[in-house]
Amino acid sequence: MQATIRVSYAILVSSGLSFLGIGVAPPTPDWGLMIAEGRSFVSFAPWIAGVPGAALAILLIALSVVGDGVREQVDPKLKKES
């Protein structure tokens, strides 16, 4: 559905702005900020930046799957004739 795409886009934009340093303030937890702060530790502790990045990717994929599932249930063109 369009709503899940828009929510995914909003989360991605918010995280991207935080990664660039123009999003939320540093004491506020945000995945983009966590990834940005973990960049300096990638050489010896890659999970510091990898875990928030993976969580963000899993969330966005899950929202996409949920949107597809809702569309299949709601759209009359996709319903099978029984």
N, C-alpha and C. Protein backbone atom coordinates (compact mmCIF):
# COMPACT_ATOMS: atom_id res chain seq x y z
N MET A 1 0.84 -1.18 0.00
CA MET A 1 0.00 0.00 0.00
C MET A 1 0.89 1.24 0.00
N GLN A 2 0.29 2.31 -0.40
CA GLN A 2 1.01 3.57 -0.49
C GLN A 2 1.47 4.06 0.89
N ALA A 3 0.70 3.78 1.92
CA ALA A 3 1.06 4.25 3.27
C ALA A 3 2.36 3.61 3.74
N THR A 4 2.54 2.33 3.51
CA THR A 4 3.76 1.68 3.97
C THR A 4 4.98 2.17 3.18
N ILE A 5 4.78 2.50 1.92
CA ILE A 5 5.88 3.04 1.13
C ILE A 5 6.27 4.41 1.67
N ARG A 6 5.28 5.22 1.99
CA ARG A 6 5.56 6.56 2.52
C ARG A 6 6.21 6.50 3.90
N VAL A 7 5.78 5.58 4.73
CA VAL A 7 6.40 5.42 6.05
C VAL A 7 7.85 4.97 5.89
N SER A 8 8.09 4.01 5.00
CA SER A 8 9.46 3.56 4.74
C SER A 8 10.33 4.69 4.24
N TYR A 9 9.78 5.50 3.34
CA TYR A 9 10.52 6.64 2.81
C TYR A 9 10.84 7.65 3.91
N ALA A 10 9.87 7.92 4.78
CA ALA A 10 10.09 8.87 5.88
C ALA A 10 11.17 8.38 6.83
N ILE A 11 11.16 7.09 7.14
CA ILE A 11 12.18 6.53 8.02
C ILE A 11 13.55 6.62 7.36
N LEU A 12 13.61 6.31 6.09
CA LEU A 12 14.88 6.36 5.36
C LEU A 12 15.42 7.79 5.26
N VAL A 13 14.55 8.75 4.99
CA VAL A 13 14.98 10.15 4.91
C VAL A 13 15.46 10.64 6.27
N SER A 14 14.72 10.31 7.32
CA SER A 14 15.12 10.72 8.67
C SER A 14 16.47 10.13 9.05
N SER A 15 16.68 8.86 8.75
CA SER A 15 17.95 8.22 9.06
C SER A 15 19.08 8.79 8.22
N GLY A 16 18.79 9.08 6.97
CA GLY A 16 19.80 9.67 6.10
C GLY A 16 20.22 11.05 6.56
N LEU A 17 19.26 11.86 6.97
CA LEU A 17 19.60 13.19 7.48
C LEU A 17 20.40 13.10 8.78
N SER A 18 20.03 12.16 9.64
CA SER A 18 20.78 11.98 10.88
C SER A 18 22.20 11.49 10.60
N PHE A 19 22.34 10.63 9.60
CA PHE A 19 23.67 10.15 9.22
C PHE A 19 24.55 11.30 8.74
N LEU A 20 23.96 12.23 8.01
CA LEU A 20 24.71 13.37 7.50
C LEU A 20 24.96 14.44 8.56
N GLY A 21 24.30 14.33 9.71
CA GLY A 21 24.52 15.28 10.79
C GLY A 21 23.54 16.44 10.80
N ILE A 22 22.51 16.39 9.98
CA ILE A 22 21.53 17.48 9.97
C ILE A 22 20.15 16.99 10.41
N GLY A 23 20.11 15.87 11.11
CA GLY A 23 18.85 15.31 11.60
C GLY A 23 18.66 15.61 13.07
N VAL A 24 18.36 14.60 13.83
CA VAL A 24 18.10 14.77 15.26
C VAL A 24 19.39 15.10 16.00
N ALA A 25 19.24 15.66 17.19
CA ALA A 25 20.40 16.02 18.01
C ALA A 25 21.06 14.76 18.57
N PRO A 26 22.38 14.78 18.77
CA PRO A 26 23.12 13.59 19.20
C PRO A 26 22.63 12.84 20.45
N PRO A 27 22.08 13.43 21.47
CA PRO A 27 21.63 12.56 22.57
C PRO A 27 20.40 11.71 22.22
N THR A 28 19.67 12.10 21.19
CA THR A 28 18.48 11.36 20.79
C THR A 28 18.90 10.14 19.97
N PRO A 29 18.43 8.94 20.33
CA PRO A 29 18.82 7.75 19.56
C PRO A 29 18.12 7.71 18.21
N ASP A 30 18.91 7.45 17.18
CA ASP A 30 18.39 7.34 15.82
C ASP A 30 19.33 6.42 15.05
N TRP A 31 18.78 5.61 14.15
CA TRP A 31 19.61 4.65 13.45
C TRP A 31 20.65 5.32 12.57
N GLY A 32 20.30 6.39 11.92
CA GLY A 32 21.28 7.10 11.09
C GLY A 32 22.42 7.65 11.92
N LEU A 33 22.11 8.17 13.08
CA LEU A 33 23.14 8.70 13.98
C LEU A 33 24.01 7.57 14.53
N MET A 34 23.40 6.43 14.84
CA MET A 34 24.18 5.29 15.32
C MET A 34 25.15 4.78 14.26
N ILE A 35 24.70 4.75 13.01
CA ILE A 35 25.57 4.31 11.92
C ILE A 35 26.71 5.31 11.73
N ALA A 36 26.39 6.59 11.79
CA ALA A 36 27.42 7.62 11.61
C ALA A 36 28.46 7.58 12.73
N GLU A 37 28.02 7.38 13.96
CA GLU A 37 28.96 7.32 15.08
C GLU A 37 29.78 6.04 15.05
N GLY A 38 29.25 4.97 14.46
CA GLY A 38 29.97 3.70 14.39
C GLY A 38 30.97 3.62 13.26
N ARG A 39 30.99 4.60 12.36
CA ARG A 39 31.93 4.57 11.24
C ARG A 39 33.38 4.56 11.70
N SER A 40 33.70 5.23 12.79
CA SER A 40 35.09 5.29 13.23
C SER A 40 35.55 3.97 13.86
N PHE A 41 34.62 3.09 14.18
CA PHE A 41 34.96 1.81 14.80
C PHE A 41 34.87 0.63 13.85
N VAL A 42 34.62 0.87 12.58
CA VAL A 42 34.38 -0.21 11.61
C VAL A 42 35.60 -1.12 11.47
N SER A 43 36.79 -0.59 11.62
CA SER A 43 37.98 -1.41 11.40
C SER A 43 38.17 -2.50 12.46
N PHE A 44 37.74 -2.25 13.70
CA PHE A 44 37.95 -3.27 14.73
C PHE A 44 36.66 -3.73 15.41
N ALA A 45 35.55 -3.07 15.19
CA ALA A 45 34.25 -3.49 15.73
C ALA A 45 33.15 -3.14 14.74
N PRO A 46 33.05 -3.90 13.64
CA PRO A 46 32.09 -3.53 12.60
C PRO A 46 30.63 -3.66 13.01
N TRP A 47 30.34 -4.39 14.07
CA TRP A 47 28.96 -4.55 14.49
C TRP A 47 28.38 -3.26 15.06
N ILE A 48 29.22 -2.32 15.47
CA ILE A 48 28.71 -1.07 16.03
C ILE A 48 27.92 -0.29 14.96
N ALA A 49 28.39 -0.30 13.75
CA ALA A 49 27.65 0.34 12.66
C ALA A 49 26.79 -0.65 11.89
N GLY A 50 27.16 -1.92 11.93
CA GLY A 50 26.45 -2.94 11.15
C GLY A 50 25.10 -3.31 11.71
N VAL A 51 24.99 -3.38 13.01
CA VAL A 51 23.72 -3.77 13.62
C VAL A 51 22.62 -2.73 13.38
N PRO A 52 22.87 -1.44 13.61
CA PRO A 52 21.81 -0.47 13.27
C PRO A 52 21.50 -0.43 11.78
N GLY A 53 22.50 -0.62 10.94
CA GLY A 53 22.24 -0.66 9.50
C GLY A 53 21.40 -1.85 9.11
N ALA A 54 21.70 -3.00 9.69
CA ALA A 54 20.91 -4.20 9.40
C ALA A 54 19.49 -4.07 9.95
N ALA A 55 19.35 -3.48 11.13
CA ALA A 55 18.01 -3.28 11.70
C ALA A 55 17.18 -2.34 10.84
N LEU A 56 17.81 -1.30 10.34
CA LEU A 56 17.12 -0.36 9.45
C LEU A 56 16.69 -1.06 8.16
N ALA A 57 17.57 -1.85 7.58
CA ALA A 57 17.25 -2.57 6.34
C ALA A 57 16.12 -3.58 6.58
N ILE A 58 16.18 -4.30 7.69
CA ILE A 58 15.13 -5.29 8.01
C ILE A 58 13.79 -4.60 8.22
N LEU A 59 13.79 -3.45 8.90
CA LEU A 59 12.54 -2.71 9.10
C LEU A 59 11.94 -2.26 7.78
N LEU A 60 12.76 -1.73 6.89
CA LEU A 60 12.24 -1.24 5.62
C LEU A 60 11.73 -2.39 4.75
N ILE A 61 12.41 -3.52 4.75
CA ILE A 61 11.95 -4.68 4.00
C ILE A 61 10.66 -5.23 4.60
N ALA A 62 10.58 -5.27 5.93
CA ALA A 62 9.37 -5.75 6.59
C ALA A 62 8.17 -4.87 6.28
N LEU A 63 8.37 -3.56 6.26
CA LEU A 63 7.28 -2.66 5.91
C LEU A 63 6.82 -2.89 4.46
N SER A 64 7.74 -3.16 3.58
CA SER A 64 7.40 -3.44 2.20
C SER A 64 6.59 -4.74 2.09
N VAL A 65 7.00 -5.76 2.81
CA VAL A 65 6.29 -7.04 2.79
C VAL A 65 4.89 -6.89 3.37
N VAL A 66 4.77 -6.13 4.45
CA VAL A 66 3.45 -5.89 5.06
C VAL A 66 2.55 -5.14 4.08
N GLY A 67 3.10 -4.15 3.40
CA GLY A 67 2.32 -3.41 2.41
C GLY A 67 1.84 -4.30 1.28
N ASP A 68 2.70 -5.20 0.81
CA ASP A 68 2.29 -6.14 -0.23
C ASP A 68 1.20 -7.09 0.27
N GLY A 69 1.32 -7.54 1.50
CA GLY A 69 0.30 -8.42 2.07
C GLY A 69 -1.04 -7.72 2.22
N VAL A 70 -1.02 -6.49 2.67
CA VAL A 70 -2.26 -5.73 2.81
C VAL A 70 -2.89 -5.49 1.44
N ARG A 71 -2.06 -5.17 0.45
CA ARG A 71 -2.58 -4.94 -0.90
C ARG A 71 -3.22 -6.19 -1.45
N GLU A 72 -2.63 -7.34 -1.22
CA GLU A 72 -3.20 -8.59 -1.71
C GLU A 72 -4.54 -8.89 -1.05
N GLN A 73 -4.69 -8.50 0.21
CA GLN A 73 -5.95 -8.76 0.90
C GLN A 73 -7.04 -7.76 0.53
N VAL A 74 -6.66 -6.54 0.19
CA VAL A 74 -7.64 -5.48 -0.02
C VAL A 74 -8.00 -5.29 -1.49
N ASP A 75 -7.06 -5.46 -2.40
CA ASP A 75 -7.29 -5.17 -3.81
C ASP A 75 -8.20 -6.22 -4.44
N PRO A 76 -9.36 -5.81 -4.95
CA PRO A 76 -10.28 -6.80 -5.52
C PRO A 76 -9.77 -7.41 -6.82
N LYS A 77 -8.87 -6.74 -7.51
CA LYS A 77 -8.34 -7.28 -8.77
C LYS A 77 -7.41 -8.48 -8.51
N LEU A 78 -6.82 -8.55 -7.33
CA LEU A 78 -5.90 -9.63 -7.02
C LEU A 78 -6.56 -10.83 -6.36
N LYS A 79 -7.81 -10.68 -5.97
CA LYS A 79 -8.52 -11.79 -5.31
C LYS A 79 -8.83 -12.87 -6.32
N LYS A 80 -8.58 -14.12 -5.91
CA LYS A 80 -8.86 -15.26 -6.78
C LYS A 80 -10.34 -15.60 -6.72
N GLU A 81 -10.87 -16.02 -7.86
CA GLU A 81 -12.26 -16.45 -7.89
C GLU A 81 -12.33 -17.89 -7.40
N SER A 82 -13.26 -18.13 -6.46
CA SER A 82 -13.39 -19.49 -5.91
C SER A 82 -14.61 -20.17 -6.45
